[in-house]
């Protein structure tokens, strides 16, 4: 949500009136994850996401809408000239979106659809990046541009948890998944994300320029082109 403010100023003794319109920072709810945006994945993404869950008449998850938050580092990307931002790391790291001093702002809006994917790995050339998941193309939601998948843990407020979450998927971080969930199908959410501002996103050691609009680059973590290997490649 954005607020437009107006300021009228007089230049010297002139009668020229200047109307200055400034775009304010997003207006936050009183508490981070306050209703109706009170969905929890039950893992580290909860430090920088706020979403509203919708269920069908049978109580099954049907869709989700919300926001991804970022904080600016105070540095500039030399290549793009854009200010560098990253996801806040949470209360234990002194970066709590419920604390206005942290400076959390909305980086993207999100549309989510429930699904499942098979965990592959997360450590790569960019360091500890977004975990990589394998899916069949037919399982990627359409229409849309759903390029990001994130898992739920047994502590999630998703109706599928805790009974629908395999023990191997019950992890707080992607690093923990890498220790135990290779080739395991985990429930979670596919997301289509849209940037709402200009910045350079720093994640996993890679800095990606971001401009307002549909973003298929910063959180892309799906693999679909693979050899058929019995017991491993199928996501159905």
Protein backbone atom coordinates (compact mmCIF):
# COMPACT_ATOMS: atom_id res chain seq x y z
CA UNK A 1 0.00 0.00 0.00
CA UNK A 2 1.42 3.37 -0.96
CA UNK A 3 0.57 6.82 0.28
CA UNK A 4 0.88 10.05 -1.70
CA UNK A 5 1.83 13.13 0.28
CA UNK A 6 1.79 16.74 -0.88
CA UNK A 7 3.98 19.65 0.15
CA UNK A 8 3.52 23.27 -0.99
CA UNK A 9 6.53 25.56 -0.93
CA UNK A 10 7.11 29.19 -1.97
CA UNK A 11 10.33 30.10 -3.76
CA UNK A 12 11.63 33.43 -2.38
CA UNK A 13 8.90 36.10 -2.75
CA UNK A 14 7.57 34.68 -5.96
CA UNK A 15 3.97 33.70 -6.29
CA UNK A 16 4.88 30.43 -7.99
CA UNK A 17 3.50 27.53 -6.05
CA UNK A 18 5.24 24.21 -6.49
CA UNK A 19 3.39 21.00 -5.91
CA UNK A 20 5.79 18.28 -4.88
CA UNK A 21 4.46 14.78 -4.88
CA UNK A 22 6.51 12.23 -3.02
CA UNK A 23 5.99 8.50 -3.01
CA UNK A 24 6.17 7.33 0.59
CA UNK A 25 7.49 3.99 1.78
CA UNK A 26 4.95 1.17 2.09
CA UNK A 27 2.64 1.48 5.07
CA UNK A 28 3.09 -1.59 7.29
CA UNK A 29 0.56 -3.30 9.53
CA UNK A 30 0.94 -2.85 13.28
CA UNK A 31 2.65 -6.23 13.56
CA UNK A 32 4.58 -8.29 11.04
CA UNK A 33 2.43 -11.30 10.04
CA UNK A 34 -0.68 -9.68 11.49
CA UNK A 35 -4.05 -10.96 10.15
CA UNK A 36 -5.06 -11.41 7.42
CA UNK A 37 -1.45 -11.72 6.20
CA UNK A 38 -0.62 -14.28 8.87
CA UNK A 39 0.53 -17.34 6.90
CA UNK A 40 3.67 -19.14 8.11
CA UNK A 41 5.79 -21.55 6.09
CA UNK A 42 7.41 -22.72 9.31
CA UNK A 43 10.94 -22.02 8.10
CA UNK A 44 13.41 -19.22 7.39
CA UNK A 45 11.33 -17.55 4.66
CA UNK A 46 9.04 -16.27 7.41
CA UNK A 47 11.66 -13.61 8.23
CA UNK A 48 10.89 -11.84 4.94
CA UNK A 49 7.45 -12.92 3.71
CA UNK A 50 3.91 -11.87 4.55
CA UNK A 51 1.05 -13.72 2.85
CA UNK A 52 -2.68 -14.26 2.99
CA UNK A 53 -3.87 -17.85 2.55
CA UNK A 54 -7.09 -18.78 0.80
CA UNK A 55 -8.69 -22.22 1.11
CA UNK A 56 -11.49 -23.94 -0.80
CA UNK A 57 -14.81 -25.08 0.66
CA UNK A 58 -13.15 -28.29 1.88
CA UNK A 59 -10.41 -26.42 3.73
CA UNK A 60 -7.66 -27.24 1.23
CA UNK A 61 -5.13 -24.53 0.29
CA UNK A 62 -6.09 -22.90 -3.00
CA UNK A 63 -4.07 -19.68 -3.41
CA UNK A 64 -1.93 -17.12 -1.64
CA UNK A 65 -1.14 -13.43 -2.06
CA UNK A 66 1.42 -11.31 -0.25
CA UNK A 67 4.82 -9.64 -0.27
CA UNK A 68 8.54 -10.34 -0.17
CA UNK A 69 10.51 -7.87 1.97
CA UNK A 70 14.00 -6.47 1.53
CA UNK A 71 16.38 -4.17 3.37
CA UNK A 72 18.86 -1.84 1.68
CA UNK A 73 22.52 -2.32 2.53
CA UNK A 74 23.61 1.27 1.92
CA UNK A 75 25.86 0.22 -0.95
CA UNK A 76 25.50 0.55 -4.73
CA UNK A 77 25.95 -2.01 -7.49
CA UNK A 78 28.76 -0.73 -9.72
CA UNK A 79 27.40 -2.51 -12.80
CA UNK A 80 23.81 -1.21 -12.71
CA UNK A 81 24.11 1.84 -10.47
CA UNK A 82 21.20 0.55 -8.39
CA UNK A 83 21.14 0.44 -4.58
CA UNK A 84 21.86 -3.06 -3.25
CA UNK A 85 19.23 -4.82 -1.14
CA UNK A 86 18.80 -8.28 0.34
CA UNK A 87 16.28 -10.21 2.40
CA UNK A 88 16.32 -9.47 6.16
CA UNK A 89 17.66 -12.40 8.19
CA UNK A 90 15.29 -12.26 11.15
CA UNK A 91 15.20 -11.35 14.82
CA UNK A 92 18.18 -13.48 15.85
CA UNK A 93 20.35 -11.61 13.34
CA UNK A 94 19.01 -8.23 14.44
CA UNK A 95 16.95 -7.81 11.26
CA UNK A 96 13.32 -8.06 12.31
CA UNK A 97 10.60 -6.70 10.00
CA UNK A 98 8.42 -6.16 13.06
CA UNK A 99 11.00 -3.57 14.16
CA UNK A 100 10.64 -0.45 12.05
CA UNK A 101 14.31 0.39 12.73
CA UNK A 102 15.32 -2.54 10.52
CA UNK A 103 13.96 -0.70 7.48
CA UNK A 104 12.03 -3.52 5.79
CA UNK A 105 10.27 -2.48 2.60
CA UNK A 106 8.33 -4.46 0.02
CA UNK A 107 10.54 -5.64 -2.82
CA UNK A 108 8.02 -7.86 -4.59
CA UNK A 109 4.37 -8.83 -4.50
CA UNK A 110 3.62 -12.55 -4.69
CA UNK A 111 0.93 -14.84 -6.09
CA UNK A 112 1.12 -18.41 -4.84
CA UNK A 113 -0.35 -21.77 -5.88
CA UNK A 114 0.08 -24.94 -3.78
CA UNK A 115 2.07 -27.82 -5.20
CA UNK A 116 5.00 -30.13 -4.62
CA UNK A 117 8.50 -30.56 -5.99
CA UNK A 118 11.54 -32.80 -5.55
CA UNK A 119 14.51 -31.31 -3.72
CA UNK A 120 17.86 -31.55 -5.52
CA UNK A 121 20.46 -29.27 -3.87
CA UNK A 122 21.16 -25.69 -2.84
CA UNK A 123 24.95 -25.28 -2.67
CA UNK A 124 26.31 -24.07 -5.98
CA UNK A 125 28.67 -21.65 -7.67
CA UNK A 126 26.80 -18.75 -6.04
CA UNK A 127 27.20 -20.19 -2.56
CA UNK A 128 24.17 -21.11 -0.46
CA UNK A 129 21.55 -19.95 -2.91
CA UNK A 130 17.85 -20.71 -3.26
CA UNK A 131 17.32 -24.50 -3.13
CA UNK A 132 16.90 -26.12 -6.55
CA UNK A 133 13.75 -28.17 -7.14
CA UNK A 134 12.78 -30.56 -9.93
CA UNK A 135 9.27 -30.66 -11.37
CA UNK A 136 7.52 -31.92 -14.46
CA UNK A 137 6.50 -29.04 -16.70
CA UNK A 138 2.86 -30.06 -16.46
CA UNK A 139 3.01 -29.43 -12.70
CA UNK A 140 4.05 -25.77 -13.07
CA UNK A 141 0.91 -23.64 -12.59
CA UNK A 142 -0.53 -22.00 -15.71
CA UNK A 143 -1.38 -19.40 -16.80
CA UNK A 144 1.26 -17.19 -15.25
CA UNK A 145 4.99 -17.08 -14.63
CA UNK A 146 5.59 -19.27 -11.59
CA UNK A 147 9.37 -19.60 -11.35
CA UNK A 148 9.94 -20.03 -7.61
CA UNK A 149 9.09 -22.93 -5.28
CA UNK A 150 9.34 -22.89 -1.50
CA UNK A 151 8.66 -25.77 0.85
CA UNK A 152 6.60 -25.89 4.06
CA UNK A 153 7.61 -27.51 7.33
CA UNK A 154 5.48 -29.34 9.88
CA UNK A 155 5.12 -26.04 11.76
CA UNK A 156 3.47 -24.29 8.82
CA UNK A 157 -0.08 -22.93 9.05
CA UNK A 158 -0.74 -24.65 5.71
CA UNK A 159 -3.63 -27.15 6.08
CA UNK A 160 -1.32 -29.87 4.69
CA UNK A 161 0.95 -29.59 7.73
CA UNK A 162 1.98 -31.38 9.79
CA UNK A 163 0.64 -34.72 8.49
CA UNK A 164 1.43 -34.02 4.84
CA UNK A 165 5.07 -33.00 5.39
CA UNK A 166 7.64 -35.84 5.13
CA UNK A 167 10.17 -35.86 7.96
CA UNK A 168 12.96 -35.12 5.48
CA UNK A 169 11.22 -31.89 4.42
CA UNK A 170 10.78 -30.67 7.97
CA UNK A 171 13.69 -28.24 7.86
CA UNK A 172 14.25 -24.59 8.69
CA UNK A 173 16.89 -23.91 6.05
CA UNK A 174 17.87 -25.19 2.64
CA UNK A 175 21.14 -26.33 4.16
CA UNK A 176 19.24 -28.71 6.40
CA UNK A 177 17.33 -30.03 3.40
CA UNK A 178 20.63 -30.78 1.72
CA UNK A 179 21.59 -32.99 4.61
CA UNK A 180 18.52 -35.22 4.39
CA UNK A 181 16.01 -34.48 1.62
CA UNK A 182 17.77 -35.20 -1.67
CA UNK A 183 15.29 -36.72 -4.14
CA UNK A 184 12.40 -36.33 -1.68
CA UNK A 185 9.14 -34.75 -2.84
CA UNK A 186 8.16 -31.90 -0.51
CA UNK A 187 4.89 -29.94 -0.35
CA UNK A 188 5.06 -26.20 -0.77
CA UNK A 189 4.09 -23.28 -2.98
CA UNK A 190 4.86 -22.08 -6.49
CA UNK A 191 5.20 -18.30 -6.73
CA UNK A 192 4.88 -15.67 -9.40
CA UNK A 193 6.61 -12.51 -8.21
CA UNK A 194 6.48 -8.90 -9.37
CA UNK A 195 9.00 -6.26 -8.32
CA UNK A 196 7.58 -2.96 -7.08
CA UNK A 197 10.76 -0.85 -7.10
CA UNK A 198 14.26 -0.46 -8.54
CA UNK A 199 17.15 -2.17 -6.69
CA UNK A 200 19.95 -4.69 -7.11
CA UNK A 201 19.16 -7.94 -5.28
CA UNK A 202 22.02 -9.67 -3.47
CA UNK A 203 21.43 -13.36 -2.82
CA UNK A 204 23.89 -16.23 -2.65
CA UNK A 205 26.76 -13.95 -3.68
CA UNK A 206 25.12 -12.93 -6.97
CA UNK A 207 23.76 -9.42 -7.54
CA UNK A 208 20.84 -9.14 -9.97
CA UNK A 209 19.37 -5.79 -11.15
CA UNK A 210 15.64 -5.58 -10.45
CA UNK A 211 13.13 -3.27 -12.07
CA UNK A 212 9.39 -2.95 -11.46
CA UNK A 213 7.36 -5.67 -13.15
CA UNK A 214 7.34 -9.43 -13.55
CA UNK A 215 10.57 -10.97 -12.19
CA UNK A 216 11.65 -14.34 -13.57
CA UNK A 217 15.32 -14.03 -12.61
CA UNK A 218 15.99 -13.36 -8.93
CA UNK A 219 14.19 -16.38 -7.43
CA UNK A 220 14.25 -18.87 -10.30
CA UNK A 221 14.92 -22.31 -8.77
CA UNK A 222 13.11 -24.91 -10.93
CA UNK A 223 14.65 -27.63 -13.09
CA UNK A 224 12.50 -29.39 -15.70
CA UNK A 225 14.82 -30.84 -18.36
CA UNK A 226 16.23 -34.13 -17.15
CA UNK A 227 16.87 -37.81 -17.93
CA UNK A 228 14.29 -40.28 -16.70
CA UNK A 229 15.71 -42.11 -13.68
CA UNK A 230 13.39 -44.58 -11.97
CA UNK A 231 12.57 -43.55 -8.42
CA UNK A 232 14.17 -40.14 -8.74
CA UNK A 233 12.85 -37.96 -11.57
CA UNK A 234 9.10 -38.32 -11.20
CA UNK A 235 7.26 -35.65 -9.22
CA UNK A 236 3.90 -37.38 -9.51
